[in-house]
PDB file of all heavy atoms in Angstrom:
ATOM      1  N   ILE A   1      33.692  24.340-134.125  1.00  0.00           N
ATOM      2  CA  ILE A   1      32.276  23.974-134.018  1.00  0.00           C
ATOM      3  C   ILE A   1      32.091  22.500-134.368  1.00  0.00           C
ATOM      4  O   ILE A   1      31.403  21.757-133.661  1.00  0.00           O
ATOM      5  CB  ILE A   1      31.407  24.855-134.952  1.00  0.00           C
ATOM      6  CG1 ILE A   1      31.350  26.292-134.421  1.00  0.00           C
ATOM      7  CG2 ILE A   1      29.990  24.284-135.078  1.00  0.00           C
ATOM      8  CD1 ILE A   1      30.678  27.270-135.358  1.00  0.00           C
ATOM      9  N   LYS A   2      32.726  22.068-135.450  1.00  0.00           N
ATOM     10  CA  LYS A   2      32.627  20.663-135.862  1.00  0.00           C
ATOM     11  C   LYS A   2      33.158  19.723-134.787  1.00  0.00           C
ATOM     12  O   LYS A   2      32.553  18.690-134.496  1.00  0.00           O
ATOM     13  CB  LYS A   2      33.399  20.452-137.170  1.00  0.00           C
ATOM     14  CG  LYS A   2      32.761  21.098-138.386  1.00  0.00           C
ATOM     15  CD  LYS A   2      33.613  20.859-139.631  1.00  0.00           C
ATOM     16  CE  LYS A   2      32.985  21.487-140.863  1.00  0.00           C
ATOM     17  NZ  LYS A   2      33.820  21.298-142.076  1.00  0.00           N
ATOM     18  N   ARG A   3      34.297  20.076-134.203  1.00  0.00           N
ATOM     19  CA  ARG A   3      34.897  19.210-133.179  1.00  0.00           C
ATOM     20  C   ARG A   3      33.997  19.108-131.946  1.00  0.00           C
ATOM     21  O   ARG A   3      33.872  18.036-131.343  1.00  0.00           O
ATOM     22  CB  ARG A   3      36.281  19.733-132.790  1.00  0.00           C
ATOM     23  CG  ARG A   3      37.364  19.425-133.815  1.00  0.00           C
ATOM     24  CD  ARG A   3      38.752  19.596-133.210  1.00  0.00           C
ATOM     25  NE  ARG A   3      39.047  20.979-132.899  1.00  0.00           N
ATOM     26  CZ  ARG A   3      39.589  21.836-133.747  1.00  0.00           C
ATOM     27  NH1 ARG A   3      39.892  21.439-134.978  1.00  0.00           N
ATOM     28  NH2 ARG A   3      39.843  23.082-133.388  1.00  0.00           N
ATOM     29  N   ILE A   4      33.380  20.212-131.582  1.00  0.00           N
ATOM     30  CA  ILE A   4      32.494  20.205-130.418  1.00  0.00           C
ATOM     31  C   ILE A   4      31.269  19.344-130.680  1.00  0.00           C
ATOM     32  O   ILE A   4      30.825  18.575-129.813  1.00  0.00           O
ATOM     33  CB  ILE A   4      32.105  21.646-130.026  1.00  0.00           C
ATOM     34  CG1 ILE A   4      33.356  22.403-129.532  1.00  0.00           C
ATOM     35  CG2 ILE A   4      31.019  21.646-128.947  1.00  0.00           C
ATOM     36  CD1 ILE A   4      33.147  23.890-129.352  1.00  0.00           C
ATOM     37  N   PHE A   5      30.729  19.441-131.888  1.00  0.00           N
ATOM     38  CA  PHE A   5      29.607  18.568-132.260  1.00  0.00           C
ATOM     39  C   PHE A   5      30.024  17.098-132.189  1.00  0.00           C
ATOM     40  O   PHE A   5      29.292  16.247-131.682  1.00  0.00           O
ATOM     41  CB  PHE A   5      29.112  18.891-133.668  1.00  0.00           C
ATOM     42  CG  PHE A   5      28.076  19.992-133.733  1.00  0.00           C
ATOM     43  CD1 PHE A   5      28.180  21.002-134.696  1.00  0.00           C
ATOM     44  CD2 PHE A   5      27.004  20.015-132.862  1.00  0.00           C
ATOM     45  CE1 PHE A   5      27.224  22.007-134.769  1.00  0.00           C
ATOM     46  CE2 PHE A   5      26.048  21.026-132.926  1.00  0.00           C
ATOM     47  CZ  PHE A   5      26.163  22.030-133.881  1.00  0.00           C
ATOM     48  N   GLU A   6      31.212  16.810-132.701  1.00  0.00           N
ATOM     49  CA  GLU A   6      31.712  15.425-132.702  1.00  0.00           C
ATOM     50  C   GLU A   6      31.873  14.887-131.282  1.00  0.00           C
ATOM     51  O   GLU A   6      31.695  13.689-131.039  1.00  0.00           O
ATOM     52  CB  GLU A   6      33.038  15.349-133.460  1.00  0.00           C
ATOM     53  CG  GLU A   6      32.889  15.534-134.968  1.00  0.00           C
ATOM     54  CD  GLU A   6      34.219  15.707-135.670  1.00  0.00           C
ATOM     55  OE1 GLU A   6      35.264  15.727-134.979  1.00  0.00           O
ATOM     56  OE2 GLU A   6      34.227  15.835-136.916  1.00  0.00           O
ATOM     57  N   ASP A   7      32.180  15.777-130.345  1.00  0.00           N
ATOM     58  CA  ASP A   7      32.350  15.370-128.949  1.00  0.00           C
ATOM     59  C   ASP A   7      31.013  15.211-128.226  1.00  0.00           C
ATOM     60  O   ASP A   7      30.982  14.795-127.063  1.00  0.00           O
ATOM     61  CB  ASP A   7      33.208  16.392-128.199  1.00  0.00           C
ATOM     62  CG  ASP A   7      34.662  16.388-128.661  1.00  0.00           C
ATOM     63  OD1 ASP A   7      35.094  15.375-129.248  1.00  0.00           O
ATOM     64  OD2 ASP A   7      35.358  17.402-128.443  1.00  0.00           O
ATOM     65  N   GLY A   8      29.939  15.576-128.902  1.00  0.00           N
ATOM     66  CA  GLY A   8      28.617  15.453-128.293  1.00  0.00           C
ATOM     67  C   GLY A   8      28.214  16.614-127.413  1.00  0.00           C
ATOM     68  O   GLY A   8      27.243  16.521-126.654  1.00  0.00           O
ATOM     69  N   ASP A   9      28.953  17.739-127.508  1.00  0.00           N
ATOM     70  CA  ASP A   9      28.637  18.926-126.719  1.00  0.00           C
ATOM     71  C   ASP A   9      27.951  19.984-127.585  1.00  0.00           C
ATOM     72  O   ASP A   9      27.784  19.798-128.796  1.00  0.00           O
ATOM     73  CB  ASP A   9      29.911  19.504-126.098  1.00  0.00           C
ATOM     74  CG  ASP A   9      30.552  18.545-125.104  1.00  0.00           C
ATOM     75  OD1 ASP A   9      29.818  17.775-124.461  1.00  0.00           O
ATOM     76  OD2 ASP A   9      31.801  18.554-124.983  1.00  0.00           O
ATOM     77  N   VAL A  10      27.575  21.074-126.956  1.00  0.00           N
ATOM     78  CA  VAL A  10      26.909  22.176-127.657  1.00  0.00           C
ATOM     79  C   VAL A  10      27.923  23.284-127.935  1.00  0.00           C
ATOM     80  O   VAL A  10      28.527  23.816-126.992  1.00  0.00           O
ATOM     81  CB  VAL A  10      25.754  22.744-126.810  1.00  0.00           C
ATOM     82  CG1 VAL A  10      25.125  23.955-127.504  1.00  0.00           C
ATOM     83  CG2 VAL A  10      24.696  21.678-126.548  1.00  0.00           C
ATOM     84  N   PRO A  11      28.140  23.648-129.197  1.00  0.00           N
ATOM     85  CA  PRO A  11      29.069  24.740-129.498  1.00  0.00           C
ATOM     86  C   PRO A  11      28.393  26.104-129.380  1.00  0.00           C
ATOM     87  O   PRO A  11      27.213  26.257-129.686  1.00  0.00           O
ATOM     88  CB  PRO A  11      29.470  24.461-130.950  1.00  0.00           C
ATOM     89  CG  PRO A  11      28.308  23.730-131.530  1.00  0.00           C
ATOM     90  CD  PRO A  11      27.663  22.970-130.423  1.00  0.00           C
ATOM     91  N   LEU A  12      29.159  27.074-128.909  1.00  0.00           N
ATOM     92  CA  LEU A  12      28.707  28.465-128.834  1.00  0.00           C
ATOM     93  C   LEU A  12      29.764  29.334-129.487  1.00  0.00           C
ATOM     94  O   LEU A  12      30.955  29.163-129.237  1.00  0.00           O
ATOM     95  CB  LEU A  12      28.494  28.881-127.387  1.00  0.00           C
ATOM     96  CG  LEU A  12      28.043  30.325-127.119  1.00  0.00           C
ATOM     97  CD1 LEU A  12      27.203  30.394-125.831  1.00  0.00           C
ATOM     98  CD2 LEU A  12      29.217  31.309-127.014  1.00  0.00           C
ATOM     99  N   ILE A  13      29.331  30.254-130.329  1.00  0.00           N
ATOM    100  CA  ILE A  13      30.270  31.156-130.991  1.00  0.00           C
ATOM    101  C   ILE A  13      29.775  32.588-130.833  1.00  0.00           C
ATOM    102  O   ILE A  13      28.567  32.838-130.814  1.00  0.00           O
ATOM    103  CB  ILE A  13      30.449  30.789-132.489  1.00  0.00           C
ATOM    104  CG1 ILE A  13      31.636  31.532-133.097  1.00  0.00           C
ATOM    105  CG2 ILE A  13      29.158  31.024-133.276  1.00  0.00           C
ATOM    106  CD1 ILE A  13      32.090  30.970-134.441  1.00  0.00           C
ATOM    107  N   ILE A  14      30.705  33.511-130.659  1.00  0.00           N
ATOM    108  CA  ILE A  14      30.342  34.923-130.546  1.00  0.00           C
ATOM    109  C   ILE A  14      30.039  35.440-131.945  1.00  0.00           C
ATOM    110  O   ILE A  14      30.927  35.523-132.804  1.00  0.00           O
ATOM    111  CB  ILE A  14      31.472  35.730-129.893  1.00  0.00           C
ATOM    112  CG1 ILE A  14      31.702  35.243-128.458  1.00  0.00           C
ATOM    113  CG2 ILE A  14      31.148  37.220-129.903  1.00  0.00           C
ATOM    114  CD1 ILE A  14      32.917  35.845-127.780  1.00  0.00           C
ATOM    115  N   ASP A  15      28.779  35.754-132.169  1.00  0.00           N
ATOM    116  CA  ASP A  15      28.337  36.172-133.503  1.00  0.00           C
ATOM    117  C   ASP A  15      26.993  36.883-133.365  1.00  0.00           C
ATOM    118  O   ASP A  15      25.934  36.317-133.598  1.00  0.00           O
ATOM    119  CB  ASP A  15      28.213  34.957-134.422  1.00  0.00           C
ATOM    120  CG  ASP A  15      27.805  35.333-135.845  1.00  0.00           C
ATOM    121  OD1 ASP A  15      27.771  36.540-136.158  1.00  0.00           O
ATOM    122  OD2 ASP A  15      27.504  34.423-136.627  1.00  0.00           O
ATOM    123  N   GLU A  16      27.044  38.125-132.978  1.00  0.00           N
ATOM    124  CA  GLU A  16      25.829  38.890-132.705  1.00  0.00           C
ATOM    125  C   GLU A  16      25.031  39.179-133.968  1.00  0.00           C
ATOM    126  O   GLU A  16      23.802  39.322-133.922  1.00  0.00           O
ATOM    127  CB  GLU A  16      26.204  40.197-132.001  1.00  0.00           C
ATOM    128  CG  GLU A  16      25.031  40.947-131.412  1.00  0.00           C
ATOM    129  CD  GLU A  16      25.474  42.100-130.526  1.00  0.00           C
ATOM    130  OE1 GLU A  16      26.687  42.275-130.310  1.00  0.00           O
ATOM    131  OE2 GLU A  16      24.592  42.825-130.046  1.00  0.00           O
ATOM    132  N   LYS A  17      25.711  39.248-135.124  1.00  0.00           N
ATOM    133  CA  LYS A  17      25.046  39.629-136.372  1.00  0.00           C
ATOM    134  C   LYS A  17      24.712  38.445-137.277  1.00  0.00           C
ATOM    135  O   LYS A  17      24.343  38.628-138.437  1.00  0.00           O
ATOM    136  CB  LYS A  17      25.921  40.638-137.126  1.00  0.00           C
ATOM    137  CG  LYS A  17      26.131  41.944-136.365  1.00  0.00           C
ATOM    138  CD  LYS A  17      26.974  42.912-137.167  1.00  0.00           C
ATOM    139  CE  LYS A  17      27.172  44.227-136.415  1.00  0.00           C
ATOM    140  NZ  LYS A  17      28.023  45.182-137.193  1.00  0.00           N
ATOM    141  N   CYS A  18      24.875  37.235-136.766  1.00  0.00           N
ATOM    142  CA  CYS A  18      24.548  36.014-137.533  1.00  0.00           C
ATOM    143  C   CYS A  18      25.387  35.872-138.802  1.00  0.00           C
ATOM    144  O   CYS A  18      24.899  35.380-139.833  1.00  0.00           O
ATOM    145  CB  CYS A  18      23.064  35.974-137.899  1.00  0.00           C
ATOM    146  SG  CYS A  18      21.970  35.716-136.508  1.00  0.00           S
ATOM    147  N   GLU A  19      26.640  36.288-138.752  1.00  0.00           N
ATOM    148  CA  GLU A  19      27.510  36.177-139.919  1.00  0.00           C
ATOM    149  C   GLU A  19      27.809  34.721-140.263  1.00  0.00           C
ATOM    150  O   GLU A  19      28.181  34.410-141.402  1.00  0.00           O
ATOM    151  CB  GLU A  19      28.808  36.951-139.666  1.00  0.00           C
ATOM    152  CG  GLU A  19      28.588  38.458-139.536  1.00  0.00           C
ATOM    153  CD  GLU A  19      29.850  39.215-139.156  1.00  0.00           C
ATOM    154  OE1 GLU A  19      30.847  38.541-138.807  1.00  0.00           O
ATOM    155  OE2 GLU A  19      29.838  40.458-139.206  1.00  0.00           O
ATOM    156  N   ILE A  20      27.622  33.805-139.310  1.00  0.00           N
ATOM    157  CA  ILE A  20      27.861  32.382-139.530  1.00  0.00           C
ATOM    158  C   ILE A  20      26.931  31.811-140.593  1.00  0.00           C
ATOM    159  O   ILE A  20      27.206  30.771-141.196  1.00  0.00           O
ATOM    160  CB  ILE A  20      27.687  31.599-138.202  1.00  0.00           C
ATOM    161  CG1 ILE A  20      28.361  30.223-138.282  1.00  0.00           C
ATOM    162  CG2 ILE A  20      26.214  31.460-137.845  1.00  0.00           C
ATOM    163  CD1 ILE A  20      29.834  30.249-138.176  1.00  0.00           C
ATOM    164  N   LEU A  21      25.835  32.532-140.870  1.00  0.00           N
ATOM    165  CA  LEU A  21      24.881  32.060-141.879  1.00  0.00           C
ATOM    166  C   LEU A  21      25.490  32.054-143.280  1.00  0.00           C
ATOM    167  O   LEU A  21      24.953  31.414-144.185  1.00  0.00           O
ATOM    168  CB  LEU A  21      23.615  32.918-141.866  1.00  0.00           C
ATOM    169  CG  LEU A  21      22.746  32.818-140.600  1.00  0.00           C
ATOM    170  CD1 LEU A  21      21.557  33.749-140.699  1.00  0.00           C
ATOM    171  CD2 LEU A  21      22.299  31.393-140.360  1.00  0.00           C
ATOM    172  N   ASP A  22      26.599  32.740-143.461  1.00  0.00           N
ATOM    173  CA  ASP A  22      27.303  32.692-144.750  1.00  0.00           C
ATOM    174  C   ASP A  22      28.002  31.353-144.945  1.00  0.00           C
ATOM    175  O   ASP A  22      28.327  30.973-146.071  1.00  0.00           O
ATOM    176  CB  ASP A  22      28.350  33.821-144.827  1.00  0.00           C
ATOM    177  CG  ASP A  22      27.713  35.196-144.898  1.00  0.00           C
ATOM    178  OD1 ASP A  22      26.561  35.293-145.364  1.00  0.00           O
ATOM    179  OD2 ASP A  22      28.363  36.173-144.473  1.00  0.00           O
ATOM    180  N   GLU A  23      28.248  30.634-143.840  1.00  0.00           N
ATOM    181  CA  GLU A  23      28.967  29.361-143.904  1.00  0.00           C
ATOM    182  C   GLU A  23      28.105  28.159-143.513  1.00  0.00           C
ATOM    183  O   GLU A  23      28.324  27.050-143.995  1.00  0.00           O
ATOM    184  CB  GLU A  23      30.188  29.412-142.978  1.00  0.00           C
ATOM    185  CG  GLU A  23      31.171  30.523-143.314  1.00  0.00           C
ATOM    186  CD  GLU A  23      32.334  30.563-142.350  1.00  0.00           C
ATOM    187  OE1 GLU A  23      33.236  29.721-142.486  1.00  0.00           O
ATOM    188  OE2 GLU A  23      32.352  31.434-141.457  1.00  0.00           O
ATOM    189  N   ILE A  24      27.153  28.384-142.633  1.00  0.00           N
ATOM    190  CA  ILE A  24      26.273  27.305-142.179  1.00  0.00           C
ATOM    191  C   ILE A  24      24.839  27.634-142.552  1.00  0.00           C
ATOM    192  O   ILE A  24      24.366  28.749-142.312  1.00  0.00           O
ATOM    193  CB  ILE A  24      26.382  27.109-140.650  1.00  0.00           C
ATOM    194  CG1 ILE A  24      27.777  26.602-140.281  1.00  0.00           C
ATOM    195  CG2 ILE A  24      25.312  26.137-140.144  1.00  0.00           C
ATOM    196  CD1 ILE A  24      27.980  26.451-138.786  1.00  0.00           C
ATOM    197  N   LYS A  25      24.160  26.674-143.149  1.00  0.00           N
ATOM    198  CA  LYS A  25      22.759  26.843-143.534  1.00  0.00           C
ATOM    199  C   LYS A  25      21.896  25.963-142.621  1.00  0.00           C
ATOM    200  O   LYS A  25      21.694  24.789-142.887  1.00  0.00           O
ATOM    201  CB  LYS A  25      22.546  26.468-145.004  1.00  0.00           C
ATOM    202  CG  LYS A  25      23.437  27.222-145.977  1.00  0.00           C
ATOM    203  CD  LYS A  25      23.224  28.733-145.889  1.00  0.00           C
ATOM    204  CE  LYS A  25      24.147  29.486-146.850  1.00  0.00           C
ATOM    205  NZ  LYS A  25      24.028  30.954-146.691  1.00  0.00           N
ATOM    206  N   PRO A  26      21.401  26.527-141.529  1.00  0.00           N
ATOM    207  CA  PRO A  26      20.622  25.728-140.585  1.00  0.00           C
ATOM    208  C   PRO A  26      19.241  25.397-141.138  1.00  0.00           C
ATOM    209  O   PRO A  26      18.731  26.105-142.023  1.00  0.00           O
ATOM    210  CB  PRO A  26      20.513  26.656-139.375  1.00  0.00           C
ATOM    211  CG  PRO A  26      20.506  28.030-139.973  1.00  0.00           C
ATOM    212  CD  PRO A  26      21.469  27.950-141.139  1.00  0.00           C
ATOM    213  N   ILE A  27      18.640  24.341-140.591  1.00  0.00           N
ATOM    214  CA  ILE A  27      17.255  24.049-140.988  1.00  0.00           C
ATOM    215  C   ILE A  27      16.287  24.944-140.216  1.00  0.00           C
ATOM    216  O   ILE A  27      15.155  25.159-140.649  1.00  0.00           O
ATOM    217  CB  ILE A  27      16.895  22.571-140.756  1.00  0.00           C
ATOM    218  CG1 ILE A  27      17.015  22.206-139.275  1.00  0.00           C
ATOM    219  CG2 ILE A  27      17.740  21.654-141.603  1.00  0.00           C
ATOM    220  CD1 ILE A  27      16.441  20.866-138.948  1.00  0.00           C
ATOM    221  N   ALA A  28      16.763  25.472-139.094  1.00  0.00           N
ATOM    222  CA  ALA A  28      15.913  26.348-138.298  1.00  0.00           C
ATOM    223  C   ALA A  28      16.753  27.352-137.534  1.00  0.00           C
ATOM    224  O   ALA A  28      17.900  27.063-137.159  1.00  0.00           O
ATOM    225  CB  ALA A  28      15.063  25.533-137.321  1.00  0.00           C
TER     226      ALA A  28
END
């Protein structure tokens, strides 16, 4: 995800249950 952001693209991850929220704290 970090590398894709650095490249200026949009990252997509398979995560139907929003488990990524344990690692990333979005503003929205």
